Protein backbone atom coordinates (compact mmCIF):
# COMPACT_ATOMS: atom_id res chain seq x y z
CA MET A 1 0.00 0.00 0.00
CA LEU A 2 2.77 2.40 0.93
CA ARG A 3 4.65 1.39 -2.22
CA LYS A 4 1.63 2.31 -4.38
CA GLN A 5 1.32 5.65 -2.68
CA SER A 6 5.01 6.42 -3.22
CA GLN A 7 4.67 5.47 -6.90
CA ALA A 8 1.65 7.78 -7.32
CA ALA A 9 3.29 10.81 -5.62
CA PRO A 10 5.38 11.86 -8.68
CA GLN A 11 2.29 11.68 -10.88
CA ILE A 12 0.38 13.95 -8.45
CA ARG A 13 3.26 16.44 -8.40
CA ARG A 14 3.46 16.47 -12.22
CA ALA A 15 -0.29 17.06 -12.48
CA ALA A 16 -0.13 19.93 -9.96
CA GLU A 17 2.74 21.53 -11.84
CA ALA A 18 0.85 21.19 -15.11
CA ARG A 19 -2.19 22.89 -13.60
CA ARG A 20 -0.02 25.63 -12.13
CA SER A 21 1.73 26.23 -15.47
CA SER A 22 -1.62 26.38 -17.18
CA VAL A 23 -2.86 28.95 -14.69
CA PHE A 24 0.23 31.10 -15.09
CA ARG A 25 0.04 30.81 -18.91
CA CYS A 26 -3.52 32.07 -18.74
CA PHE A 27 -2.48 34.83 -16.31
CA LEU A 28 0.38 35.82 -18.63
CA LEU A 29 -1.87 35.84 -21.69
CA GLY A 30 -4.36 37.99 -19.79
CA ALA A 31 -1.64 40.37 -18.68
CA GLN A 32 -0.30 40.62 -22.25
CA SER A 33 -3.82 41.32 -23.48
CA VAL A 34 -4.23 44.09 -20.89
CA ARG A 35 -0.87 45.46 -21.87
CA ALA A 36 -1.84 45.49 -25.52
CA ASN A 37 -5.11 47.29 -24.78
CA ASN A 38 -3.61 49.83 -22.32
CA GLU A 39 -0.20 50.35 -23.89
CA GLU A 40 -0.85 54.06 -24.26
CA THR A 41 -1.80 54.47 -20.62
CA VAL A 42 1.31 52.84 -19.13
CA LEU A 43 3.44 55.39 -17.28
CA PRO A 44 7.03 55.74 -18.55
CA ALA A 45 8.61 54.55 -15.29
CA MET A 46 6.37 51.47 -15.09
CA GLN A 47 6.94 50.66 -18.78
CA GLN A 48 10.69 50.78 -18.27
CA VAL A 49 10.42 48.27 -15.42
CA LEU A 50 8.25 45.97 -17.54
CA ASP A 51 10.71 46.10 -20.46
CA ASN A 52 13.61 45.19 -18.21
CA LEU A 53 11.94 42.20 -16.58
CA GLY A 54 12.68 39.94 -19.55
CA ASP A 55 16.32 40.98 -19.75
CA LEU A 56 17.27 40.23 -16.17
CA PRO A 57 20.54 38.19 -15.94
CA SER A 58 20.43 34.83 -14.27
CA SER A 59 22.88 36.05 -11.64
CA THR A 60 20.06 37.99 -9.97
CA GLY A 61 18.53 34.73 -8.77
CA ALA A 62 15.02 35.86 -9.65
CA LYS A 63 12.54 33.02 -10.15
CA ASP A 64 10.27 32.94 -13.14
CA ILE A 65 7.22 32.59 -10.93
CA ASP A 66 8.18 35.74 -8.99
CA LEU A 67 8.76 37.69 -12.21
CA LEU A 68 5.40 36.60 -13.57
CA PHE A 69 3.72 37.63 -10.35
CA LEU A 70 5.42 41.06 -10.43
CA ARG A 71 4.51 41.57 -14.09
CA GLY A 72 0.90 40.67 -13.39
CA ILE A 73 0.66 43.22 -10.58
CA MET A 74 2.28 46.01 -12.59
CA GLU A 75 -0.01 45.35 -15.56
CA SER A 76 -3.09 45.27 -13.38
CA PRO A 77 -5.56 48.06 -14.35
CA VAL A 78 -6.09 48.87 -10.68
CA VAL A 79 -2.39 49.44 -10.04
CA ARG A 80 -2.06 51.53 -13.19
CA SER A 81 -5.02 53.67 -12.12
CA LEU A 82 -3.43 54.24 -8.73
CA ALA A 83 -0.12 55.22 -10.35
CA LYS A 84 -1.85 57.66 -12.70
CA ALA A 85 -3.78 59.17 -9.78
CA HIS A 86 -0.56 59.59 -7.80
CA GLU A 87 1.16 61.27 -10.73
CA THR A 88 -1.82 63.56 -11.28
CA LEU A 89 -1.85 64.61 -7.63
CA GLU A 90 1.86 65.38 -7.74
CA ASP A 91 1.30 67.69 -10.72
CA VAL A 92 -1.53 69.59 -9.03
CA LYS A 93 -0.56 73.14 -8.06
CA LEU A 94 -2.52 74.33 -5.06
CA GLU A 95 -3.37 78.01 -5.32
CA ALA A 96 -5.61 80.27 -3.30
CA VAL A 97 -8.71 81.38 -5.17
CA GLN A 98 -8.33 84.91 -3.81
CA ASP A 99 -6.51 86.79 -1.06
CA ASN A 100 -9.17 89.30 -0.02
CA ASN A 101 -11.53 87.10 1.95
CA VAL A 102 -11.67 89.55 4.87
CA GLU A 103 -13.15 92.18 2.56
CA LEU A 104 -15.50 89.60 1.05
CA VAL A 105 -16.84 88.61 4.46
CA SER A 106 -17.32 92.27 5.36
CA GLU A 107 -19.42 92.71 2.20
CA ILE A 108 -21.44 89.59 3.05
CA LEU A 109 -22.11 90.87 6.56
CA GLY A 110 -23.30 94.16 5.09
CA ASP A 111 -25.61 92.37 2.66
CA ILE A 112 -27.24 90.17 5.31
CA SER A 113 -27.43 92.79 8.06
CA ASN A 114 -31.08 93.49 7.32
CA LEU A 115 -31.93 89.78 6.96
CA SER A 116 -30.43 88.94 10.36
CA ARG A 117 -33.36 90.55 12.14
CA ARG A 118 -35.96 88.48 10.27
CA ASP A 119 -34.23 85.20 9.48
CA ASP A 120 -32.63 82.93 12.11
CA SER A 121 -30.27 81.31 9.57
CA ALA A 122 -28.95 84.70 8.48
CA ALA A 123 -28.50 85.71 12.11
CA GLU A 124 -26.57 82.50 12.83
CA LEU A 125 -24.38 83.03 9.75
CA SER A 126 -23.70 86.59 10.86
CA ARG A 127 -22.62 85.39 14.33
CA ILE A 128 -20.29 82.79 12.83
CA LEU A 129 -18.66 85.25 10.44
CA LYS A 130 -18.10 87.73 13.27
CA GLU A 131 -16.40 85.17 15.54
CA PRO A 132 -12.86 86.34 16.42
CA HIS A 133 -11.38 82.91 15.62
CA PHE A 134 -13.03 82.86 12.20
CA GLN A 135 -11.83 86.40 11.48
CA SER A 136 -8.28 85.46 12.54
CA LEU A 137 -8.40 82.39 10.27
CA LEU A 138 -9.39 84.56 7.30
CA GLU A 139 -6.63 87.06 8.06
CA ALA A 140 -4.04 84.26 8.25
CA HIS A 141 -5.33 82.76 4.97
CA ASP A 142 -5.16 86.10 3.15
CA MET A 143 -1.66 86.73 4.48
CA VAL A 144 -0.42 83.34 3.21
CA ALA A 145 -2.31 83.65 -0.09
CA SER A 146 -0.75 87.03 -0.85
CA LYS A 147 2.77 85.60 -0.74
CA CYS A 148 4.58 84.01 -3.68
CA TYR A 149 5.77 80.43 -3.11
CA GLU A 150 6.97 79.50 -6.61
CA ALA A 151 10.13 77.44 -6.80
CA PRO A 152 12.94 79.25 -8.63
CA PRO A 153 13.46 78.04 -12.22
CA PRO A 154 16.77 76.32 -12.93
CA SER A 155 19.40 78.64 -14.28
CA SER A 156 20.77 77.57 -17.65
CA GLU A 157 23.56 80.13 -17.92
CA VAL A 158 26.01 79.65 -15.12
CA ASN A 159 29.59 80.38 -16.12
CA SER A 160 32.56 78.59 -14.72
CA ASP A 161 33.77 81.57 -12.68
CA ALA A 162 30.45 81.82 -10.87
CA ALA A 163 30.55 78.08 -10.17
CA ALA A 164 34.05 78.47 -8.72
CA ASN A 165 32.90 81.30 -6.48
CA SER A 166 29.90 79.31 -5.35
CA ALA A 167 32.17 76.51 -4.21
CA LEU A 168 33.85 78.92 -1.82
CA MET A 169 30.55 79.85 -0.14
CA GLN A 170 28.96 77.77 2.56
CA ALA A 171 26.25 75.59 1.05
CA ASP A 172 23.77 76.32 3.80
CA ALA A 173 24.31 80.09 3.56
CA VAL A 174 23.51 80.57 -0.14
CA ARG A 175 19.92 80.74 -1.31
CA MET A 176 18.46 80.75 -4.80
CA ILE A 177 15.43 83.02 -5.06
CA GLY A 178 13.06 82.99 -8.01
CA ILE A 179 10.95 86.05 -8.77
CA ARG A 180 8.69 86.92 -11.68
CA LYS A 181 8.75 90.40 -13.17
CA LYS A 182 6.86 92.13 -15.94
CA ALA A 183 8.71 94.30 -18.39
CA GLY A 184 9.08 97.82 -17.01
CA GLU A 185 7.62 96.87 -13.61
CA PRO A 186 9.56 98.57 -10.77
CA LEU A 187 10.99 96.24 -8.15
CA GLY A 188 10.61 98.68 -5.26
CA VAL A 189 14.07 98.02 -3.84
CA THR A 190 17.29 100.01 -3.41
CA PHE A 191 20.86 98.81 -2.84
CA ARG A 192 23.97 100.03 -1.03
CA VAL A 193 27.60 98.92 -1.01
CA GLU A 194 28.96 97.25 2.12
CA LYS A 195 32.42 95.68 2.18
CA ASP A 196 32.51 95.71 -1.63
CA GLU A 197 29.21 93.81 -1.87
CA LEU A 198 25.70 94.91 -2.90
CA VAL A 199 23.26 94.80 -0.02
CA ILE A 200 19.51 95.50 -0.06
CA ALA A 201 19.16 98.89 1.65
CA ARG A 202 15.42 99.47 1.48
CA ILE A 203 12.32 97.60 0.31
CA LEU A 204 9.36 99.80 -0.52
CA HIS A 205 6.22 98.57 1.20
CA GLY A 206 3.62 97.41 -1.32
CA GLY A 207 6.17 96.98 -4.12
CA MET A 208 6.73 93.77 -6.06
CA ILE A 209 9.60 92.54 -3.87
CA ASP A 210 7.61 93.27 -0.69
CA ARG A 211 4.52 91.44 -1.99
CA GLN A 212 6.50 88.31 -2.83
CA GLY A 213 8.18 88.36 0.58
CA LEU A 214 11.31 86.48 -0.54
CA LEU A 215 13.94 89.21 -0.05
CA HIS A 216 14.69 91.23 3.08
CA VAL A 217 16.69 94.29 4.03
CA GLY A 218 20.32 93.27 4.57
CA ASP A 219 20.35 90.41 2.03
CA ILE A 220 23.51 90.36 -0.13
CA ILE A 221 22.93 89.97 -3.88
CA LYS A 222 25.57 87.73 -5.50
CA GLU A 223 24.19 86.84 -8.93
CA VAL A 224 21.29 87.62 -11.28
CA ASN A 225 20.45 84.78 -13.70
CA GLY A 226 23.93 83.34 -13.25
CA ARG A 227 25.75 86.63 -13.82
CA GLU A 228 27.80 88.24 -11.08
CA VAL A 229 26.48 91.63 -10.04
CA GLY A 230 29.74 93.34 -9.08
CA ASN A 231 29.59 96.26 -6.65
CA ASN A 232 27.84 99.02 -8.59
CA PRO A 233 24.21 99.64 -7.44
CA THR A 234 23.34 101.55 -10.62
CA GLU A 235 24.46 98.69 -12.87
CA LEU A 236 22.45 96.23 -10.81
CA GLN A 237 19.33 98.39 -11.08
CA ASP A 238 19.81 98.63 -14.86
CA MET A 239 20.36 94.87 -15.10
CA LEU A 240 17.16 94.14 -13.19
CA LYS A 241 15.23 96.75 -15.16
CA GLU A 242 16.07 94.98 -18.43
CA CYS A 243 14.99 91.57 -17.10
CA SER A 244 11.48 90.22 -17.54
CA GLY A 245 9.75 86.94 -16.79
CA SER A 246 11.58 84.58 -14.42
CA ILE A 247 14.60 86.02 -12.60
CA THR A 248 16.88 83.87 -10.46
CA LEU A 249 18.84 85.62 -7.72
CA LYS A 250 21.64 84.10 -5.69
CA ILE A 251 21.74 85.77 -2.27
CA LEU A 252 23.32 85.54 1.13
CA PRO A 253 20.35 86.07 3.46
CA SER A 254 20.58 88.40 6.43
CA TYR A 255 18.37 86.19 8.63
CA ARG A 256 16.97 89.27 10.31
CA ASP A 257 13.43 89.17 11.61
CA THR A 258 11.49 92.36 10.87
CA PRO A 259 8.06 92.08 12.49
CA SER A 260 5.36 94.58 11.65
CA VAL A 261 5.07 97.50 14.04
CA TYR A 262 1.91 99.56 14.41
CA VAL A 263 1.76 102.94 16.11
CA GLN A 264 -0.93 105.49 16.86
CA ALA A 265 0.04 109.07 16.08
CA HIS A 266 -0.44 111.75 18.76
CA PHE A 267 0.11 114.70 16.41
CA ASP A 268 -0.94 115.94 12.98
CA TYR A 269 1.59 115.84 10.15
CA ASN A 270 1.63 117.50 6.73
CA PRO A 271 4.80 116.86 4.71
CA GLY A 272 4.06 119.92 2.58
CA ASN A 273 4.84 122.11 5.60
CA ASP A 274 7.94 120.17 6.67
CA ASN A 275 11.23 121.83 5.75
CA LEU A 276 13.31 118.87 6.94
CA ILE A 277 11.84 116.10 4.79
CA PRO A 278 14.19 115.16 1.90
CA CYS A 279 11.30 114.83 -0.58
CA LYS A 280 7.91 116.39 0.13
CA GLU A 281 6.21 114.25 -2.52
CA ALA A 282 7.37 111.09 -0.73
CA GLY A 283 5.89 112.20 2.60
CA LEU A 284 2.82 110.61 4.17
CA PRO A 285 0.28 113.01 5.75
CA PHE A 286 -1.67 111.77 8.76
CA ALA A 287 -3.88 113.08 11.54
CA ARG A 288 -3.84 112.67 15.30
CA GLY A 289 -5.27 109.28 16.23
CA ASP A 290 -4.44 107.56 12.91
CA VAL A 291 -2.91 104.07 13.15
CA LEU A 292 0.23 103.65 11.04
CA GLN A 293 2.11 100.53 10.04
CA ILE A 294 5.86 101.12 10.27
CA VAL A 295 7.43 99.04 7.50
CA ASN A 296 11.02 100.31 7.68
CA ARG A 297 13.00 101.99 10.46
CA GLU A 298 16.50 101.76 9.02
CA ASP A 299 16.85 105.54 8.70
CA PRO A 300 17.13 107.14 12.17
CA ASN A 301 15.26 110.27 11.04
CA TRP A 302 12.72 109.08 8.48
CA TRP A 303 10.57 105.96 8.72
CA GLN A 304 8.59 104.30 5.95
CA ALA A 305 4.97 103.86 6.95
CA CYS A 306 1.47 103.49 5.57
CA LEU A 307 -1.97 104.12 6.97
CA VAL A 308 -3.68 100.94 8.15
CA VAL A 309 -6.92 102.13 6.55
CA GLY A 310 -5.90 102.49 2.89
CA GLY A 311 -3.19 104.62 1.35
CA THR A 312 0.28 104.14 -0.07
CA THR A 313 3.65 104.03 1.66
CA GLY A 314 5.47 107.26 2.45
CA LEU A 315 8.02 108.87 4.72
CA ILE A 316 7.17 110.09 8.22
CA PRO A 317 9.41 111.68 10.86
CA SER A 318 10.90 109.18 13.27
CA GLN A 319 10.34 109.30 17.03
CA PHE A 320 13.87 110.62 17.48
CA LEU A 321 13.50 113.42 14.92
CA GLU A 322 10.08 114.55 16.13
CA GLU A 323 11.18 114.56 19.78
CA LYS A 324 14.12 116.80 18.90
CA ARG A 325 11.88 119.09 16.87
CA LYS A 326 9.19 119.40 19.55
CA ALA A 327 11.72 119.81 22.34
CA PHE A 328 12.50 123.31 21.00
CA VAL A 329 8.84 124.36 20.61
CA PRO A 330 7.27 125.96 23.71
CA ARG A 331 4.00 124.49 24.93
CA ASP A 332 0.89 126.58 24.25
CA TRP A 333 -0.08 126.52 27.90
CA ASP A 334 1.82 127.19 31.09
CA GLY A 335 -0.14 124.96 33.43
CA SER A 336 -1.53 127.88 35.40
CA GLY A 337 -5.20 128.13 36.33
CA THR A 338 -7.56 125.59 37.71
CA LEU A 339 -7.84 122.07 36.39
CA CYS A 340 -10.72 119.69 36.78
CA GLY A 341 -11.05 118.79 40.43
CA THR A 342 -9.59 122.04 41.78
CA VAL A 343 -11.88 124.84 42.83
CA SER A 344 -10.86 128.43 43.41
CA GLY A 345 -12.56 131.01 45.56
CA LYS A 346 -13.95 130.57 49.03
CA LYS A 347 -14.91 126.90 48.74
CA LYS A 348 -13.25 124.49 51.10
CA LYS A 349 -12.54 121.67 48.68
CA LYS A 350 -8.91 120.77 47.98
CA MET A 351 -7.87 117.84 45.79
CA MET A 352 -4.59 116.05 46.49
CA TYR A 353 -2.75 113.32 44.60
CA LEU A 354 -0.33 111.82 47.06
CA THR A 355 -0.60 108.09 46.37
CA ALA A 356 2.59 106.23 45.56
CA ARG A 357 1.19 104.91 42.28
CA ASN A 358 -0.25 108.18 40.99
CA ALA A 359 2.64 110.48 40.14
CA GLU A 360 1.88 114.08 39.27
CA PHE A 361 1.34 114.71 35.59
CA ASP A 362 4.59 115.34 33.78
CA ARG A 363 4.10 118.59 31.88
CA HIS A 364 7.22 118.06 29.77
CA GLU A 365 6.15 114.62 28.53
CA LEU A 366 6.37 114.45 24.72
CA GLN A 367 3.75 112.27 23.07
CA ILE A 368 4.77 111.33 19.53
CA TYR A 369 3.83 107.74 18.68
CA GLU A 370 2.33 104.99 20.83
CA GLU A 371 2.89 101.38 19.79
CA VAL A 372 -0.42 99.53 19.48
CA THR A 373 -1.70 96.12 18.45
CA LYS A 374 -5.00 94.88 17.07
CA VAL A 375 -7.06 92.55 19.26
CA PRO A 376 -10.46 90.88 18.80
CA PRO A 377 -13.58 92.58 20.24
CA PHE A 378 -13.74 92.59 24.04
CA GLN A 379 -15.47 94.41 26.86
CA ARG A 380 -13.33 97.09 28.46
CA LYS A 381 -12.86 96.90 32.21
CA THR A 382 -13.46 100.61 32.72
CA LEU A 383 -15.15 103.46 30.87
CA VAL A 384 -13.56 106.74 31.96
CA LEU A 385 -15.41 110.01 31.40
CA ILE A 386 -13.13 113.06 31.53
CA GLY A 387 -14.24 116.67 31.35
CA ALA A 388 -14.63 120.00 33.10
CA GLN A 389 -17.15 120.49 35.87
CA GLY A 390 -20.66 121.01 34.59
CA VAL A 391 -20.30 119.41 31.12
CA GLY A 392 -22.69 116.51 31.87
CA ARG A 393 -20.38 113.61 32.74
CA ARG A 394 -22.49 112.49 35.69
CA SER A 395 -25.73 112.65 33.68
CA LEU A 396 -24.24 110.44 30.94
CA LYS A 397 -22.87 107.98 33.50
CA ASN A 398 -26.16 107.66 35.38
CA ARG A 399 -28.17 107.18 32.18
CA LEU A 400 -25.93 104.33 31.03
CA ILE A 401 -26.18 102.56 34.39
CA VAL A 402 -29.99 102.97 34.60
CA LEU A 403 -30.57 101.66 31.05
CA HIS A 404 -28.00 98.82 31.26
CA PRO A 405 -27.60 97.81 34.92
CA ASN A 406 -26.26 94.37 33.97
CA ARG A 407 -23.48 95.81 31.79
CA PHE A 408 -22.37 98.92 33.67
CA GLY A 409 -21.68 99.80 37.28
CA THR A 410 -19.76 102.40 39.24
CA THR A 411 -17.87 102.76 42.48
CA VAL A 412 -19.15 104.03 45.82
CA PRO A 413 -16.80 106.72 47.18
CA PHE A 414 -15.26 106.44 50.65
CA THR A 415 -15.41 109.25 53.20
CA SER A 416 -14.22 109.90 56.74
CA ARG A 417 -17.21 112.06 57.72
CA ARG A 418 -19.92 110.73 59.97
CA PRO A 419 -23.11 109.47 58.28
CA ARG A 420 -26.26 111.58 58.48
CA ASP A 421 -29.46 110.18 59.95
CA GLU A 422 -30.98 109.18 56.60
CA GLU A 423 -27.75 107.78 55.12
CA ARG A 424 -26.90 104.07 55.06
CA ASP A 425 -23.41 102.70 54.59
CA GLY A 426 -22.71 101.45 51.05
CA GLN A 427 -25.41 103.46 49.27
CA SER A 428 -24.10 106.95 48.53
CA TYR A 429 -20.90 106.58 50.55
CA ARG A 430 -18.87 104.04 52.42
CA PHE A 431 -18.04 105.43 55.85
CA VAL A 432 -14.67 104.76 57.46
CA THR A 433 -12.60 106.46 60.15
CA ARG A 434 -10.12 109.17 59.20
CA THR A 435 -7.25 107.12 60.60
CA GLU A 436 -8.20 104.10 58.50
CA MET A 437 -8.52 106.22 55.39
CA GLU A 438 -5.17 107.95 55.95
CA VAL A 439 -3.46 104.56 56.33
CA ASP A 440 -4.97 103.37 53.01
CA VAL A 441 -4.01 106.62 51.28
CA LYS A 442 -0.43 106.22 52.46
CA ALA A 443 -0.42 102.61 51.22
CA GLY A 444 -1.53 103.72 47.73
CA ARG A 445 -4.94 102.05 47.84
CA TYR A 446 -6.81 105.10 46.50
CA LEU A 447 -7.06 106.13 42.87
CA GLU A 448 -7.76 109.71 43.94
CA HIS A 449 -8.64 111.44 47.18
CA GLY A 450 -9.24 114.91 48.53
CA GLU A 451 -10.43 116.89 51.51
CA TYR A 452 -13.58 118.99 51.89
CA ASP A 453 -14.73 120.78 55.01
CA GLY A 454 -12.27 118.81 57.15
CA ASN A 455 -13.35 115.39 55.83
CA LEU A 456 -11.55 113.05 53.43
CA TYR A 457 -13.20 111.68 50.27
CA GLY A 458 -11.77 109.25 47.75
CA THR A 459 -12.18 106.44 45.22
CA LYS A 460 -10.61 103.17 46.30
CA ILE A 461 -8.88 101.04 43.68
CA GLU A 462 -10.31 97.83 45.10
CA SER A 463 -13.85 99.15 44.55
CA ILE A 464 -13.11 99.30 40.81
CA HIS A 465 -12.02 95.66 40.80
CA GLU A 466 -15.19 94.66 42.67
CA VAL A 467 -17.36 96.03 39.85
CA VAL A 468 -15.19 94.39 37.17
CA LYS A 469 -15.39 91.00 38.93
CA THR A 470 -19.17 91.04 38.47
CA GLY A 471 -18.69 91.07 34.69
CA ARG A 472 -19.66 94.73 34.28
CA THR A 473 -17.75 97.73 32.95
CA CYS A 474 -16.95 100.20 35.71
CA ILE A 475 -17.81 103.79 34.71
CA LEU A 476 -15.56 106.41 36.30
CA ASP A 477 -15.87 110.21 36.15
CA VAL A 478 -12.52 111.05 37.67
CA ASN A 479 -10.00 113.87 37.51
CA PRO A 480 -7.66 113.75 34.49
CA GLN A 481 -4.59 113.32 36.70
CA ALA A 482 -5.83 109.78 37.44
CA LEU A 483 -5.42 108.76 33.78
CA LYS A 484 -1.76 107.98 34.29
CA VAL A 485 -2.76 105.24 36.73
CA LEU A 486 -5.77 104.02 34.78
CA LYS A 487 -4.15 103.74 31.33
CA THR A 488 -2.72 100.26 32.04
CA SER A 489 -3.63 96.64 31.41
CA GLU A 490 -4.93 96.45 35.00
CA PHE A 491 -7.89 98.70 34.14
CA MET A 492 -7.95 98.60 30.28
CA PRO A 493 -9.92 101.87 30.05
CA TYR A 494 -11.79 103.43 27.18
CA VAL A 495 -11.31 107.14 27.78
CA VAL A 496 -13.98 109.56 26.55
CA PHE A 497 -13.47 113.30 26.81
CA ILE A 498 -16.73 115.20 27.24
CA ALA A 499 -15.90 118.61 25.80
CA ALA A 500 -17.79 121.77 26.61
CA PRO A 501 -19.58 123.47 23.70
CA GLU A 502 -19.10 127.10 22.75
CA LEU A 503 -20.03 129.69 25.35
CA ASP A 504 -23.28 130.74 23.63
CA THR A 505 -24.44 127.13 23.32
CA LEU A 506 -23.54 126.38 26.96
CA ARG A 507 -25.45 129.48 28.07
CA ALA A 508 -28.56 128.38 26.15
CA MET A 509 -28.36 124.82 27.55
CA HIS A 510 -28.09 126.13 31.12
CA LYS A 511 -31.10 128.40 30.60
CA ALA A 512 -33.13 125.46 29.27
CA VAL A 513 -32.49 123.24 32.33
CA VAL A 514 -33.25 126.13 34.69
CA ASP A 515 -36.54 126.91 32.89
CA ALA A 516 -37.49 123.22 32.99
CA GLY A 517 -36.98 123.14 36.75
CA ILE A 518 -34.25 120.49 36.54
CA THR A 519 -31.90 122.66 38.59
CA THR A 520 -32.24 125.72 40.74
CA LYS A 521 -28.56 126.60 40.65
CA LEU A 522 -27.95 129.72 38.58
CA LEU A 523 -24.58 130.11 36.90
CA THR A 524 -23.18 133.44 35.81
CA ASP A 525 -21.43 134.10 32.52
CA MET A 526 -18.15 134.03 34.45
CA ASP A 527 -18.93 130.51 35.72
CA LEU A 528 -19.81 129.30 32.22
CA LYS A 529 -16.68 130.85 30.75
CA LYS A 530 -14.56 129.09 33.39
CA THR A 531 -16.10 125.79 32.30
CA VAL A 532 -15.24 126.45 28.63
CA ASP A 533 -11.67 127.52 29.48
CA GLU A 534 -11.16 124.57 31.82
CA SER A 535 -12.38 122.18 29.13
CA ALA A 536 -9.88 123.61 26.64
CA ARG A 537 -6.99 123.32 29.11
CA ILE A 538 -7.80 119.68 29.90
CA GLN A 539 -7.95 118.82 26.22
CA ARG A 540 -4.54 120.39 25.53
CA ALA A 541 -2.87 118.69 28.48
CA TYR A 542 -4.38 115.19 28.32
CA ARG A 543 -5.66 114.61 24.80
CA HIS A 544 -3.07 111.89 24.12
CA TYR A 545 -5.00 109.75 26.62
CA PHE A 546 -8.38 110.20 24.90
CA ASP A 547 -9.92 107.48 22.74
CA LEU A 548 -12.96 109.57 21.84
CA THR A 549 -14.03 113.21 22.14
CA ILE A 550 -17.72 114.14 22.35
CA VAL A 551 -18.80 117.78 22.32
CA ASN A 552 -21.84 117.90 24.59
CA ASP A 553 -23.94 120.51 22.80
CA ASN A 554 -27.00 118.26 23.16
CA LEU A 555 -27.27 115.70 25.95
CA ASP A 556 -29.41 113.23 23.99
CA ARG A 557 -27.11 113.24 20.96
CA ALA A 558 -24.04 112.95 23.19
CA PHE A 559 -25.56 109.94 24.95
CA GLU A 560 -26.47 108.23 21.66
CA LYS A 561 -22.90 108.65 20.39
CA LEU A 562 -21.43 107.36 23.65
CA GLN A 563 -23.73 104.34 23.71
CA ALA A 564 -23.05 103.47 20.04
CA THR A 565 -19.30 103.66 20.63
CA VAL A 566 -19.47 101.33 23.63
CA GLU A 567 -21.51 98.85 21.59
CA LYS A 568 -18.82 98.80 18.89
CA LEU A 569 -16.15 97.82 21.39
CA CYS A 570 -17.84 94.43 21.86
CA ALA A 571 -18.44 93.89 18.13
CA GLU A 572 -15.34 95.16 16.28
CA PRO A 573 -11.57 94.58 16.65
CA GLN A 574 -9.75 97.23 18.66
CA TRP A 575 -6.33 98.88 18.66
CA VAL A 576 -4.88 98.90 22.17
CA PRO A 577 -1.44 99.76 23.62
CA VAL A 578 0.94 96.91 22.94
CA ASN A 579 1.94 96.69 26.63
CA TRP A 580 -1.61 95.61 27.47
CA VAL A 581 -1.04 92.39 25.53
CA TYR A 582 2.72 91.63 25.72
């Protein structure tokens, strides 16, 4: 029995091999048929592999069965489709559709503003588009989309001398930059000679080089399209002017980081009236309060800047130059006279600023530029109303608190006088002993304090924080000297100056409230004139602290403007001092 089985084993093996050969012959015929039908669709690399399979030397040790299996896989329609898809994806060039999506979203919000009140879907879309994170994403996208990321084309004309010089440079220090230029298009770049080499001296903001973002001030230009540039800036400018299409630059990068700097101007500037500017046509006019982007500060006297809201790039005086210029100009006020919070005559009120944190206002402080940064909408911790006595600050404050008690609050002043019979602690005043109040004043716990009729009065700093902790904005109508303490990240104030109207208008407004029985206090023309003069002095001395100025010639209109401005703070991005954030 075992002998018969051993005799039959070779026959079984031969039959299995015959079946296997038949299967592979069919597989090979099928693969050849597929190859014949799809010959045009075979990728060059795959076709080369297929052509070489039959010419493999025997020394490789490859088995026929393995080669057949490999050929069958490579000729499979599925594998070929995958290879074609991979090649197609590699050839795809990803480009942004547009780089002005922030403007597009603003237009969309304007178009659906009326629908938002009637349609829930439009209201939801409006909320999403206004989200700070969504706005930041759009800004980042537009910034990336506006850059040029094209790989530099290979240079075909590189002479032997340039190749020899390249060998002497460090491989990791040299960069090849590819730019595209239209005929006659200005590059917006200037050069200077340093150590017998051409260095980029200035890049004009908004120019072609600035838009592509590949070159920076301080980069050394070595070659243009394979030709050495020498050390003559004029020849290099002429060479670049003649070029068009693709331009390949070999540079030694400076590796200097030049982040954008934004400043808010605290003075008006007209280059037409400036005798120091080297070119009046190149100057950039701006007004007090404008936000400027400083794009170049290489020159110690003249910066390149542009207005954040539209406009081209121009020259503005630097901080150093303007400080020197203003240091020789006398101030238009001498600091004499009464300021808000001080009362002349026979009254007994005397304001003092003796806290350690609240230094006396520096009259010689020069306000030129203040560095700012843009942040998403947020609720300010404090709303500070500044103005002369009798301009309506308290009326505006009380109306805001009455109409929006959940959004606004105010502090309760402290006093050392004894409470009257009808007074309760914590309502109009918080009553403390004189000794306790003097100790807190000495420790710097009061924003401002003063004495009237032998009693101390003051606003405690902790009382401001108590209002802020409840999620409300604390409204303060304080003396302007307190602004130096308040204008910090601790209080993040929005400062509104309530300006007095002209004397005739103020006289008519006072007559109207007296006739209506709102007040029985009669003010003389001398009193009204003091209010107008005091308002003007405060504005001259402290206007660099003001975020908004409202002339109160009509209380209702002034309140509407104040309320609309506060609403915007929670809905639109804001420019704040950079030290509030960093």
